[in-house]
Amino acid sequence: QLPVPGQNLPAAEEKNPEWTVCQVRMAADALVRSWQLPEEACERLLAKTARRIRYYQQRHAVARASHTRTASAKLQRQGITVSTLPRCYQDTRYRCSINTTAPCVKLGNAAA
């Protein structure tokens, strides 16, 4: 069974449950190919694809944790304490980019 984006995931993946475009394409490709296979071959293909996607998601989680540690150490060496920085909370009135250092931008009318 393929993992589903947004489904309850193991603790290591809950923070970033999103799939990459490559993983979505991989799942869709396996699903379409499975339509023309006998049931047993179909199950094997989907199981293999699910294992592969889980592997990639686990590796991404490990890489993300490593990057976070490296970035935190670098900021700490520069005298920046991440826990004291202002946070940008998700709000439908704001567009926040969590992948850059760009500030939050208020959407819509400036007078609102």
PDB file of N, CA and C in Angstrom:
ATOM      1  N   GLN A   1       0.848  -1.177   0.000  1.00  0.00           N
ATOM      2  CA  GLN A   1       0.000   0.000   0.000  1.00  0.00           C
ATOM      3  C   GLN A   1       0.887   1.231   0.000  1.00  0.00           C
ATOM      4  N   LEU A   2       0.606   2.165  -0.902  1.00  0.00           N
ATOM      5  CA  LEU A   2       1.399   3.383  -0.991  1.00  0.00           C
ATOM      6  C   LEU A   2       1.031   4.337   0.132  1.00  0.00           C
ATOM      7  N   PRO A   3       2.030   5.020   0.719  1.00  0.00           N
ATOM      8  CA  PRO A   3       1.716   6.022   1.727  1.00  0.00           C
ATOM      9  C   PRO A   3       0.957   7.173   1.073  1.00  0.00           C
ATOM     10  N   VAL A   4       0.083   7.818   1.819  1.00  0.00           N
ATOM     11  CA  VAL A   4      -0.747   8.886   1.283  1.00  0.00           C
ATOM     12  C   VAL A   4      -0.311  10.211   1.887  1.00  0.00           C
ATOM     13  N   PRO A   5      -0.082  11.259   1.055  1.00  0.00           N
ATOM     14  CA  PRO A   5       0.308  12.549   1.615  1.00  0.00           C
ATOM     15  C   PRO A   5      -0.725  13.025   2.625  1.00  0.00           C
ATOM     16  N   GLY A   6      -0.254  13.515   3.779  1.00  0.00           N
ATOM     17  CA  GLY A   6      -1.146  14.040   4.794  1.00  0.00           C
ATOM     18  C   GLY A   6      -1.685  12.985   5.743  1.00  0.00           C
ATOM     19  N   GLN A   7      -1.479  11.719   5.428  1.00  0.00           N
ATOM     20  CA  GLN A   7      -1.933  10.633   6.288  1.00  0.00           C
ATOM     21  C   GLN A   7      -1.059  10.626   7.543  1.00  0.00           C
ATOM     22  N   ASN A   8      -1.539  10.035   8.646  1.00  0.00           N
ATOM     23  CA  ASN A   8      -0.719   9.969   9.857  1.00  0.00           C
ATOM     24  C   ASN A   8       0.568   9.231   9.539  1.00  0.00           C
ATOM     25  N   LEU A   9       1.673   9.926   9.694  1.00  0.00           N
ATOM     26  CA  LEU A   9       2.975   9.371   9.359  1.00  0.00           C
ATOM     27  C   LEU A   9       3.784   9.146  10.629  1.00  0.00           C
ATOM     28  N   PRO A  10       4.843   8.344  10.554  1.00  0.00           N
ATOM     29  CA  PRO A  10       5.713   8.176  11.712  1.00  0.00           C
ATOM     30  C   PRO A  10       6.243   9.531  12.181  1.00  0.00           C
ATOM     31  N   ALA A  11       6.619   9.616  13.455  1.00  0.00           N
ATOM     32  CA  ALA A  11       7.032  10.886  14.064  1.00  0.00           C
ATOM     33  C   ALA A  11       8.115  11.599  13.258  1.00  0.00           C
ATOM     34  N   ALA A  12       9.041  10.863  12.661  1.00  0.00           N
ATOM     35  CA  ALA A  12      10.133  11.487  11.921  1.00  0.00           C
ATOM     36  C   ALA A  12       9.633  12.216  10.681  1.00  0.00           C
ATOM     37  N   GLU A  13       8.473  11.849  10.169  1.00  0.00           N
ATOM     38  CA  GLU A  13       7.988  12.449   8.927  1.00  0.00           C
ATOM     39  C   GLU A  13       6.810  13.397   9.129  1.00  0.00           C
ATOM     40  N   GLU A  14       6.262  13.485  10.352  1.00  0.00           N
ATOM     41  CA  GLU A  14       5.074  14.300  10.555  1.00  0.00           C
ATOM     42  C   GLU A  14       5.311  15.770  10.282  1.00  0.00           C
ATOM     43  N   LYS A  15       6.499  16.280  10.574  1.00  0.00           N
ATOM     44  CA  LYS A  15       6.751  17.703  10.416  1.00  0.00           C
ATOM     45  C   LYS A  15       6.710  18.122   8.945  1.00  0.00           C
ATOM     46  N   ASN A  16       7.184  17.288   8.064  1.00  0.00           N
ATOM     47  CA  ASN A  16       7.226  17.600   6.638  1.00  0.00           C
ATOM     48  C   ASN A  16       6.672  16.433   5.836  1.00  0.00           C
ATOM     49  N   PRO A  17       5.348  16.241   5.850  1.00  0.00           N
ATOM     50  CA  PRO A  17       4.783  15.067   5.187  1.00  0.00           C
ATOM     51  C   PRO A  17       4.650  15.214   3.673  1.00  0.00           C
ATOM     52  N   GLU A  18       5.093  16.340   3.133  1.00  0.00           N
ATOM     53  CA  GLU A  18       4.919  16.559   1.700  1.00  0.00           C
ATOM     54  C   GLU A  18       5.735  15.574   0.867  1.00  0.00           C
ATOM     55  N   TRP A  19       5.256  15.324  -0.306  1.00  0.00           N
ATOM     56  CA  TRP A  19       5.943  14.460  -1.250  1.00  0.00           C
ATOM     57  C   TRP A  19       6.671  15.340  -2.249  1.00  0.00           C
ATOM     58  N   THR A  20       7.756  14.821  -2.793  1.00  0.00           N
ATOM     59  CA  THR A  20       8.423  15.534  -3.873  1.00  0.00           C
ATOM     60  C   THR A  20       7.669  15.237  -5.171  1.00  0.00           C
ATOM     61  N   VAL A  21       7.892  16.049  -6.169  1.00  0.00           N
ATOM     62  CA  VAL A  21       7.270  15.829  -7.478  1.00  0.00           C
ATOM     63  C   VAL A  21       7.699  14.472  -8.018  1.00  0.00           C
ATOM     64  N   CYS A  22       8.947  14.122  -7.799  1.00  0.00           N
ATOM     65  CA  CYS A  22       9.471  12.837  -8.278  1.00  0.00           C
ATOM     66  C   CYS A  22       8.730  11.672  -7.624  1.00  0.00           C
ATOM     67  N   GLN A  23       8.445  11.777  -6.335  1.00  0.00           N
ATOM     68  CA  GLN A  23       7.745  10.704  -5.637  1.00  0.00           C
ATOM     69  C   GLN A  23       6.302  10.568  -6.121  1.00  0.00           C
ATOM     70  N   VAL A  24       5.641  11.680  -6.372  1.00  0.00           N
ATOM     71  CA  VAL A  24       4.271  11.632  -6.893  1.00  0.00           C
ATOM     72  C   VAL A  24       4.273  10.999  -8.279  1.00  0.00           C
ATOM     73  N   ARG A  25       5.238  11.396  -9.110  1.00  0.00           N
ATOM     74  CA  ARG A  25       5.339  10.816 -10.448  1.00  0.00           C
ATOM     75  C   ARG A  25       5.614   9.325 -10.366  1.00  0.00           C
ATOM     76  N   MET A  26       6.482   8.921  -9.440  1.00  0.00           N
ATOM     77  CA  MET A  26       6.815   7.514  -9.268  1.00  0.00           C
ATOM     78  C   MET A  26       5.565   6.710  -8.879  1.00  0.00           C
ATOM     79  N   ALA A  27       4.774   7.245  -7.955  1.00  0.00           N
ATOM     80  CA  ALA A  27       3.554   6.557  -7.519  1.00  0.00           C
ATOM     81  C   ALA A  27       2.531   6.483  -8.651  1.00  0.00           C
ATOM     82  N   ALA A  28       2.352   7.596  -9.365  1.00  0.00           N
ATOM     83  CA  ALA A  28       1.394   7.613 -10.475  1.00  0.00           C
ATOM     84  C   ALA A  28       1.826   6.653 -11.578  1.00  0.00           C
ATOM     85  N   ASP A  29       3.112   6.640 -11.872  1.00  0.00           N
ATOM     86  CA  ASP A  29       3.635   5.748 -12.900  1.00  0.00           C
ATOM     87  C   ASP A  29       3.378   4.281 -12.525  1.00  0.00           C
ATOM     88  N   ALA A  30       3.648   3.930 -11.277  1.00  0.00           N
ATOM     89  CA  ALA A  30       3.422   2.555 -10.819  1.00  0.00           C
ATOM     90  C   ALA A  30       1.938   2.200 -10.883  1.00  0.00           C
ATOM     91  N   LEU A  31       1.093   3.135 -10.503  1.00  0.00           N
ATOM     92  CA  LEU A  31      -0.345   2.876 -10.533  1.00  0.00           C
ATOM     93  C   LEU A  31      -0.826   2.623 -11.961  1.00  0.00           C
ATOM     94  N   VAL A  32      -0.413   3.474 -12.884  1.00  0.00           N
ATOM     95  CA  VAL A  32      -0.842   3.314 -14.282  1.00  0.00           C
ATOM     96  C   VAL A  32      -0.296   2.009 -14.859  1.00  0.00           C
ATOM     97  N   ARG A  33       0.984   1.710 -14.567  1.00  0.00           N
ATOM     98  CA  ARG A  33       1.548   0.444 -15.076  1.00  0.00           C
ATOM     99  C   ARG A  33       0.844  -0.761 -14.483  1.00  0.00           C
ATOM    100  N   SER A  34       0.376  -0.637 -13.230  1.00  0.00           N
ATOM    101  CA  SER A  34      -0.262  -1.772 -12.566  1.00  0.00           C
ATOM    102  C   SER A  34      -1.594  -2.151 -13.197  1.00  0.00           C
ATOM    103  N   TRP A  35      -2.224  -1.238 -13.895  1.00  0.00           N
ATOM    104  CA  TRP A  35      -3.526  -1.515 -14.506  1.00  0.00           C
ATOM    105  C   TRP A  35      -3.449  -2.629 -15.542  1.00  0.00           C
ATOM    106  N   GLN A  36      -2.282  -2.813 -16.146  1.00  0.00           N
ATOM    107  CA  GLN A  36      -2.148  -3.804 -17.211  1.00  0.00           C
ATOM    108  C   GLN A  36      -1.485  -5.094 -16.735  1.00  0.00           C
ATOM    109  N   LEU A  37      -1.252  -5.212 -15.429  1.00  0.00           N
ATOM    110  CA  LEU A  37      -0.558  -6.387 -14.904  1.00  0.00           C
ATOM    111  C   LEU A  37      -1.532  -7.346 -14.223  1.00  0.00           C
ATOM    112  N   PRO A  38      -1.166  -8.615 -14.167  1.00  0.00           N
ATOM    113  CA  PRO A  38      -1.959  -9.551 -13.366  1.00  0.00           C
ATOM    114  C   PRO A  38      -1.917  -9.117 -11.892  1.00  0.00           C
ATOM    115  N   GLU A  39      -2.888  -9.567 -11.118  1.00  0.00           N
ATOM    116  CA  GLU A  39      -3.033  -9.105  -9.733  1.00  0.00           C
ATOM    117  C   GLU A  39      -1.765  -9.283  -8.899  1.00  0.00           C
ATOM    118  N   GLU A  40      -1.130 -10.438  -9.006  1.00  0.00           N
ATOM    119  CA  GLU A  40       0.070 -10.707  -8.210  1.00  0.00           C
ATOM    120  C   GLU A  40       1.213  -9.767  -8.589  1.00  0.00           C
ATOM    121  N   ALA A  41       1.429  -9.565  -9.882  1.00  0.00           N
ATOM    122  CA  ALA A  41       2.484  -8.662 -10.348  1.00  0.00           C
ATOM    123  C   ALA A  41       2.157  -7.221  -9.964  1.00  0.00           C
ATOM    124  N   CYS A  42       0.883  -6.885 -10.014  1.00  0.00           N
ATOM    125  CA  CYS A  42       0.430  -5.551  -9.625  1.00  0.00           C
ATOM    126  C   CYS A  42       0.782  -5.279  -8.161  1.00  0.00           C
ATOM    127  N   GLU A  43       0.481  -6.233  -7.295  1.00  0.00           N
ATOM    128  CA  GLU A  43       0.769  -6.082  -5.863  1.00  0.00           C
ATOM    129  C   GLU A  43       2.266  -5.940  -5.615  1.00  0.00           C
ATOM    130  N   ARG A  44       3.074  -6.723  -6.331  1.00  0.00           N
ATOM    131  CA  ARG A  44       4.532  -6.632  -6.173  1.00  0.00           C
ATOM    132  C   ARG A  44       5.049  -5.265  -6.608  1.00  0.00           C
ATOM    133  N   LEU A  45       4.558  -4.785  -7.748  1.00  0.00           N
ATOM    134  CA  LEU A  45       4.991  -3.482  -8.255  1.00  0.00           C
ATOM    135  C   LEU A  45       4.625  -2.370  -7.278  1.00  0.00           C
ATOM    136  N   LEU A  46       3.393  -2.371  -6.780  1.00  0.00           N
ATOM    137  CA  LEU A  46       2.965  -1.317  -5.864  1.00  0.00           C
ATOM    138  C   LEU A  46       3.705  -1.390  -4.532  1.00  0.00           C
ATOM    139  N   ALA A  47       3.966  -2.607  -4.049  1.00  0.00           N
ATOM    140  CA  ALA A  47       4.721  -2.764  -2.797  1.00  0.00           C
ATOM    141  C   ALA A  47       6.157  -2.265  -2.967  1.00  0.00           C
ATOM    142  N   LYS A  48       6.766  -2.604  -4.097  1.00  0.00           N
ATOM    143  CA  LYS A  48       8.136  -2.162  -4.361  1.00  0.00           C
ATOM    144  C   LYS A  48       8.193  -0.638  -4.461  1.00  0.00           C
ATOM    145  N   THR A  49       7.213  -0.049  -5.126  1.00  0.00           N
ATOM    146  CA  THR A  49       7.167   1.405  -5.259  1.00  0.00           C
ATOM    147  C   THR A  49       6.966   2.070  -3.905  1.00  0.00           C
ATOM    148  N   ALA A  50       6.084   1.504  -3.077  1.00  0.00           N
ATOM    149  CA  ALA A  50       5.847   2.061  -1.738  1.00  0.00           C
ATOM    150  C   ALA A  50       7.119   2.007  -0.896  1.00  0.00           C
ATOM    151  N   ARG A  51       7.846   0.881  -0.978  1.00  0.00           N
ATOM    152  CA  ARG A  51       9.114   0.763  -0.233  1.00  0.00           C
ATOM    153  C   ARG A  51      10.113   1.809  -0.707  1.00  0.00           C
ATOM    154  N   ARG A  52      10.188   1.987  -1.998  1.00  0.00           N
ATOM    155  CA  ARG A  52      11.131   2.960  -2.564  1.00  0.00           C
ATOM    156  C   ARG A  52      10.783   4.382  -2.108  1.00  0.00           C
ATOM    157  N   ILE A  53       9.495   4.718  -2.146  1.00  0.00           N
ATOM    158  CA  ILE A  53       9.069   6.059  -1.727  1.00  0.00           C
ATOM    159  C   ILE A  53       9.343   6.258  -0.240  1.00  0.00           C
ATOM    160  N   ARG A  54       9.047   5.250   0.587  1.00  0.00           N
ATOM    161  CA  ARG A  54       9.345   5.351   2.023  1.00  0.00           C
ATOM    162  C   ARG A  54      10.843   5.544   2.255  1.00  0.00           C
ATOM    163  N   TYR A  55      11.661   4.813   1.499  1.00  0.00           N
ATOM    164  CA  TYR A  55      13.110   4.954   1.623  1.00  0.00           C
ATOM    165  C   TYR A  55      13.536   6.388   1.310  1.00  0.00           C
ATOM    166  N   TYR A  56      13.045   6.921   0.193  1.00  0.00           N
ATOM    167  CA  TYR A  56      13.411   8.290  -0.175  1.00  0.00           C
ATOM    168  C   TYR A  56      12.933   9.287   0.873  1.00  0.00           C
ATOM    169  N   GLN A  57      11.734   9.103   1.413  1.00  0.00           N
ATOM    170  CA  GLN A  57      11.227  10.021   2.426  1.00  0.00           C
ATOM    171  C   GLN A  57      12.069   9.938   3.699  1.00  0.00           C
ATOM    172  N   GLN A  58      12.502   8.737   4.062  1.00  0.00           N
ATOM    173  CA  GLN A  58      13.359   8.595   5.242  1.00  0.00           C
ATOM    174  C   GLN A  58      14.703   9.271   5.014  1.00  0.00           C
ATOM    175  N   ARG A  59      15.267   9.098   3.828  1.00  0.00           N
ATOM    176  CA  ARG A  59      16.550   9.737   3.518  1.00  0.00           C
ATOM    177  C   ARG A  59      16.408  11.257   3.510  1.00  0.00           C
ATOM    178  N   HIS A  60      15.301  11.770   2.991  1.00  0.00           N
ATOM    179  CA  HIS A  60      15.061  13.210   3.000  1.00  0.00           C
ATOM    180  C   HIS A  60      14.963  13.716   4.435  1.00  0.00           C
ATOM    181  N   ALA A  61      14.299  12.941   5.319  1.00  0.00           N
ATOM    182  CA  ALA A  61      14.166  13.338   6.724  1.00  0.00           C
ATOM    183  C   ALA A  61      15.542  13.389   7.396  1.00  0.00           C
ATOM    184  N   VAL A  62      16.397  12.406   7.114  1.00  0.00           N
ATOM    185  CA  VAL A  62      17.746  12.387   7.672  1.00  0.00           C
ATOM    186  C   VAL A  62      18.538  13.592   7.160  1.00  0.00           C
ATOM    187  N   ALA A  63      18.444  13.866   5.871  1.00  0.00           N
ATOM    188  CA  ALA A  63      19.164  15.001   5.293  1.00  0.00           C
ATOM    189  C   ALA A  63      18.655  16.320   5.881  1.00  0.00           C
ATOM    190  N   ARG A  64      17.333  16.421   6.062  1.00  0.00           N
ATOM    191  CA  ARG A  64      16.738  17.632   6.620  1.00  0.00           C
ATOM    192  C   ARG A  64      17.243  17.851   8.054  1.00  0.00           C
ATOM    193  N   ALA A  65      17.299  16.770   8.853  1.00  0.00           N
ATOM    194  CA  ALA A  65      17.786  16.877  10.228  1.00  0.00           C
ATOM    195  C   ALA A  65      19.255  17.301  10.245  1.00  0.00           C
ATOM    196  N   SER A  66      20.055  16.723   9.365  1.00  0.00           N
ATOM    197  CA  SER A  66      21.467  17.074   9.278  1.00  0.00           C
ATOM    198  C   SER A  66      21.630  18.537   8.893  1.00  0.00           C
ATOM    199  N   HIS A  67      20.857  18.978   7.929  1.00  0.00           N
ATOM    200  CA  HIS A  67      20.927  20.376   7.495  1.00  0.00           C
ATOM    201  C   HIS A  67      20.547  21.307   8.643  1.00  0.00           C
ATOM    202  N   THR A  68      19.501  20.923   9.385  1.00  0.00           N
ATOM    203  CA  THR A  68      19.053  21.747  10.508  1.00  0.00           C
ATOM    204  C   THR A  68      20.149  21.863  11.555  1.00  0.00           C
ATOM    205  N   ARG A  69      20.795  20.743  11.890  1.00  0.00           N
ATOM    206  CA  ARG A  69      21.892  20.778  12.861  1.00  0.00           C
ATOM    207  C   ARG A  69      23.033  21.658  12.368  1.00  0.00           C
ATOM    208  N   THR A  70      23.403  21.505  11.103  1.00  0.00           N
ATOM    209  CA  THR A  70      24.496  22.285  10.533  1.00  0.00           C
ATOM    210  C   THR A  70      24.161  23.771  10.537  1.00  0.00           C
ATOM    211  N   ALA A  71      22.943  24.107  10.112  1.00  0.00           N
ATOM    212  CA  ALA A  71      22.527  25.511  10.067  1.00  0.00           C
ATOM    213  C   ALA A  71      22.456  26.106  11.472  1.00  0.00           C
ATOM    214  N   SER A  72      21.939  25.336  12.433  1.00  0.00           N
ATOM    215  CA  SER A  72      21.853  25.819  13.812  1.00  0.00           C
ATOM    216  C   SER A  72      23.241  26.079  14.385  1.00  0.00           C
ATOM    217  N   ALA A  73      24.168  25.170  14.124  1.00  0.00           N
ATOM    218  CA  ALA A  73      25.533  25.352  14.612  1.00  0.00           C
ATOM    219  C   ALA A  73      26.174  26.587  13.997  1.00  0.00           C
ATOM    220  N   LYS A  74      25.950  26.790  12.719  1.00  0.00           N
ATOM    221  CA  LYS A  74      26.513  27.958  12.033  1.00  0.00           C
ATOM    222  C   LYS A  74      25.932  29.242  12.617  1.00  0.00           C
ATOM    223  N   LEU A  75      24.616  29.266  12.821  1.00  0.00           N
ATOM    224  CA  LEU A  75      23.986  30.456  13.401  1.00  0.00           C
ATOM    225  C   LEU A  75      24.481  30.697  14.825  1.00  0.00           C
ATOM    226  N   GLN A  76      24.645  29.623  15.588  1.00  0.00           N
ATOM    227  CA  GLN A  76      25.123  29.754  16.961  1.00  0.00           C
ATOM    228  C   GLN A  76      26.535  30.339  16.988  1.00  0.00           C
ATOM    229  N   ARG A  77      27.389  29.906  16.061  1.00  0.00           N
ATOM    230  CA  ARG A  77      28.747  30.461  15.970  1.00  0.00           C
ATOM    231  C   ARG A  77      28.712  31.950  15.656  1.00  0.00           C
ATOM    232  N   GLN A  78      27.659  32.382  14.956  1.00  0.00           N
ATOM    233  CA  GLN A  78      27.525  33.800  14.616  1.00  0.00           C
ATOM    234  C   GLN A  78      26.802  34.588  15.706  1.00  0.00           C
ATOM    235  N   GLY A  79      26.449  33.914  16.799  1.00  0.00           N
ATOM    236  CA  GLY A  79      25.799  34.589  17.917  1.00  0.00           C
ATOM    237  C   GLY A  79      24.296  34.758  17.762  1.00  0.00           C
ATOM    238  N   ILE A  80      23.677  33.991  16.875  1.00  0.00           N
ATOM    239  CA  ILE A  80      22.235  34.078  16.643  1.00  0.00           C
ATOM    240  C   ILE A  80      21.553  32.920  17.352  1.00  0.00           C
ATOM    241  N   THR A  81      20.574  33.250  18.203  1.00  0.00           N
ATOM    242  CA  THR A  81      19.807  32.227  18.895  1.00  0.00           C
ATOM    243  C   THR A  81      18.471  32.075  18.177  1.00  0.00           C
ATOM    244  N   VAL A  82      18.286  30.968  17.514  1.00  0.00           N
ATOM    245  CA  VAL A  82      17.105  30.742  16.688  1.00  0.00           C
ATOM    246  C   VAL A  82      15.817  30.832  17.503  1.00  0.00           C
ATOM    247  N   SER A  83      15.842  30.311  18.725  1.00  0.00           N
ATOM    248  CA  SER A  83      14.616  30.285  19.542  1.00  0.00           C
ATOM    249  C   SER A  83      14.123  31.682  19.908  1.00  0.00           C
ATOM    250  N   THR A  84      14.975  32.706  19.790  1.00  0.00           N
ATOM    251  CA  THR A  84      14.544  34.066  20.137  1.00  0.00           C
ATOM    252  C   THR A  84      14.128  34.884  18.920  1.00  0.00           C
ATOM    253  N   LEU A  85      14.269  34.319  17.736  1.00  0.00           N
ATOM    254  CA  LEU A  85      13.881  35.038  16.525  1.00  0.00           C
ATOM    255  C   LEU A  85      12.364  35.114  16.408  1.00  0.00           C
ATOM    256  N   PRO A  86      11.823  36.206  15.831  1.00  0.00           N
ATOM    257  CA  PRO A  86      10.364  36.276  15.638  1.00  0.00           C
ATOM    258  C   PRO A  86       9.906  35.191  14.674  1.00  0.00           C
ATOM    259  N   ARG A  87       8.735  34.668  14.916  1.00  0.00           N
ATOM    260  CA  ARG A  87       8.191  33.594  14.092  1.00  0.00           C
ATOM    261  C   ARG A  87       7.145  34.134  13.131  1.00  0.00           C
ATOM    262  N   CYS A  88       7.029  33.456  12.023  1.00  0.00           N
ATOM    263  CA  CYS A  88       6.005  33.772  11.038  1.00  0.00           C
ATOM    264  C   CYS A  88       5.001  32.624  11.069  1.00  0.00           C
ATOM    265  N   TYR A  89       3.864  32.836  11.709  1.00  0.00           N
ATOM    266  CA  TYR A  89       2.858  31.788  11.827  1.00  0.00           C
ATOM    267  C   TYR A  89       1.971  31.774  10.597  1.00  0.00           C
ATOM    268  N   GLN A  90       1.551  30.599  10.202  1.00  0.00           N
ATOM    269  CA  GLN A  90       0.686  30.457   9.034  1.00  0.00           C
ATOM    270  C   GLN A  90      -0.632  31.167   9.295  1.00  0.00           C
ATOM    271  N   ASP A  91      -1.004  32.020   8.401  1.00  0.00           N
ATOM    272  CA  ASP A  91      -2.253  32.765   8.502  1.00  0.00           C
ATOM    273  C   ASP A  91      -2.738  32.958   7.072  1.00  0.00           C
ATOM    274  N   THR A  92      -4.012  32.783   6.852  1.00  0.00           N
ATOM    275  CA  THR A  92      -4.532  32.891   5.484  1.00  0.00           C
ATOM    276  C   THR A  92      -4.383  34.302   4.931  1.00  0.00           C
ATOM    277  N   ARG A  93      -4.155  35.279   5.806  1.00  0.00           N
ATOM    278  CA  ARG A  93      -3.985  36.655   5.327  1.00  0.00           C
ATOM    279  C   ARG A  93      -2.558  36.952   4.922  1.00  0.00           C
ATOM    280  N   TYR A  94      -1.643  36.017   5.189  1.00  0.00           N
ATOM    281  CA  TYR A  94      -0.240  36.226   4.895  1.00  0.00           C
ATOM    282  C   TYR A  94       0.295  35.095   4.025  1.00  0.00           C
ATOM    283  N   ARG A  95       1.264  35.436   3.205  1.00  0.00           N
ATOM    284  CA  ARG A  95       1.978  34.420   2.435  1.00  0.00           C
ATOM    285  C   ARG A  95       3.380  34.359   3.032  1.00  0.00           C
ATOM    286  N   CYS A  96       3.705  33.245   3.650  1.00  0.00           N
ATOM    287  CA  CYS A  96       4.993  33.098   4.306  1.00  0.00           C
ATOM    288  C   CYS A  96       5.815  32.059   3.569  1.00  0.00           C
ATOM    289  N   SER A  97       7.052  32.366   3.365  1.00  0.00           N
ATOM    290  CA  SER A  97       7.944  31.414   2.739  1.00  0.00           C
ATOM    291  C   SER A  97       8.821  30.816   3.811  1.00  0.00           C
ATOM    292  N   ILE A  98       8.675  29.508   4.061  1.00  0.00           N
ATOM    293  CA  ILE A  98       9.492  28.862   5.084  1.00  0.00           C
ATOM    294  C   ILE A  98      10.834  28.416   4.524  1.00  0.00           C
ATOM    295  N   ASN A  99      11.030  28.539   3.214  1.00  0.00           N
ATOM    296  CA  ASN A  99      12.272  28.079   2.607  1.00  0.00           C
ATOM    297  C   ASN A  99      13.271  29.204   2.370  1.00  0.00           C
ATOM    298  N   THR A 100      12.893  30.424   2.698  1.00  0.00           N
ATOM    299  CA  THR A 100      13.806  31.540   2.495  1.00  0.00           C
ATOM    300  C   THR A 100      13.800  32.410   3.734  1.00  0.00           C
ATOM    301  N   THR A 101      14.624  33.411   3.737  1.00  0.00           N
ATOM    302  CA  THR A 101      14.652  34.355   4.846  1.00  0.00           C
ATOM    303  C   THR A 101      13.743  35.542   4.571  1.00  0.00           C
ATOM    304  N   ALA A 102      12.945  35.466   3.506  1.00  0.00           N
ATOM    305  CA  ALA A 102      12.041  36.559   3.150  1.00  0.00           C
ATOM    306  C   ALA A 102      10.986  36.746   4.244  1.00  0.00           C
ATOM    307  N   PRO A 103      10.605  38.005   4.518  1.00  0.00           N
ATOM    308  CA  PRO A 103       9.577  38.242   5.533  1.00  0.00           C
ATOM    309  C   PRO A 103       8.198  37.846   5.019  1.00  0.00           C
ATOM    310  N   CYS A 104       7.252  37.774   5.932  1.00  0.00           N
ATOM    311  CA  CYS A 104       5.872  37.492   5.546  1.00  0.00           C
ATOM    312  C   CYS A 104       5.326  38.678   4.775  1.00  0.00           C
ATOM    313  N   VAL A 105       4.492  38.409   3.814  1.00  0.00           N
ATOM    314  CA  VAL A 105       3.895  39.463   3.004  1.00  0.00           C
ATOM    315  C   VAL A 105       2.393  39.405   3.198  1.00  0.00           C
ATOM    316  N   LYS A 106       1.794  40.529   3.582  1.00  0.00           N
ATOM    317  CA  LYS A 106       0.337  40.563   3.779  1.00  0.00           C
ATOM    318  C   LYS A 106      -0.310  40.549   2.407  1.00  0.00           C
ATOM    319  N   LEU A 107      -1.289  39.656   2.241  1.00  0.00           N
ATOM    320  CA  LEU A 107      -2.015  39.538   0.978  1.00  0.00           C
ATOM    321  C   LEU A 107      -3.200  40.484   0.958  1.00  0.00           C
ATOM    322  N   GLY A 108      -3.606  40.854  -0.217  1.00  0.00           N
ATOM    323  CA  GLY A 108      -4.823  41.641  -0.380  1.00  0.00           C
ATOM    324  C   GLY A 108      -4.574  43.137  -0.207  1.00  0.00           C
ATOM    325  N   ASN A 109      -5.652  43.861   0.096  1.00  0.00           N
ATOM    326  CA  ASN A 109      -5.664  45.308   0.209  1.00  0.00           C
ATOM    327  C   ASN A 109      -4.784  45.758   1.376  1.00  0.00           C
ATOM    328  N   ALA A 110      -3.925  46.748   1.132  1.00  0.00           N
ATOM    329  CA  ALA A 110      -3.021  47.268   2.160  1.00  0.00           C
ATOM    330  C   ALA A 110      -3.796  47.946   3.274  1.00  0.00           C
ATOM    331  N   ALA A 111      -4.986  48.487   2.977  1.00  0.00           N
ATOM    332  CA  ALA A 111      -5.778  49.189   3.979  1.00  0.00           C
ATOM    333  C   ALA A 111      -6.526  48.219   4.882  1.00  0.00           C
ATOM    334  N   ALA A 112      -6.657  46.979   4.460  1.00  0.00           N
ATOM    335  CA  ALA A 112      -7.441  45.992   5.237  1.00  0.00           C
ATOM    336  C   ALA A 112      -6.734  45.551   6.478  1.00  0.00           C
TER     337      ALA A 112
END
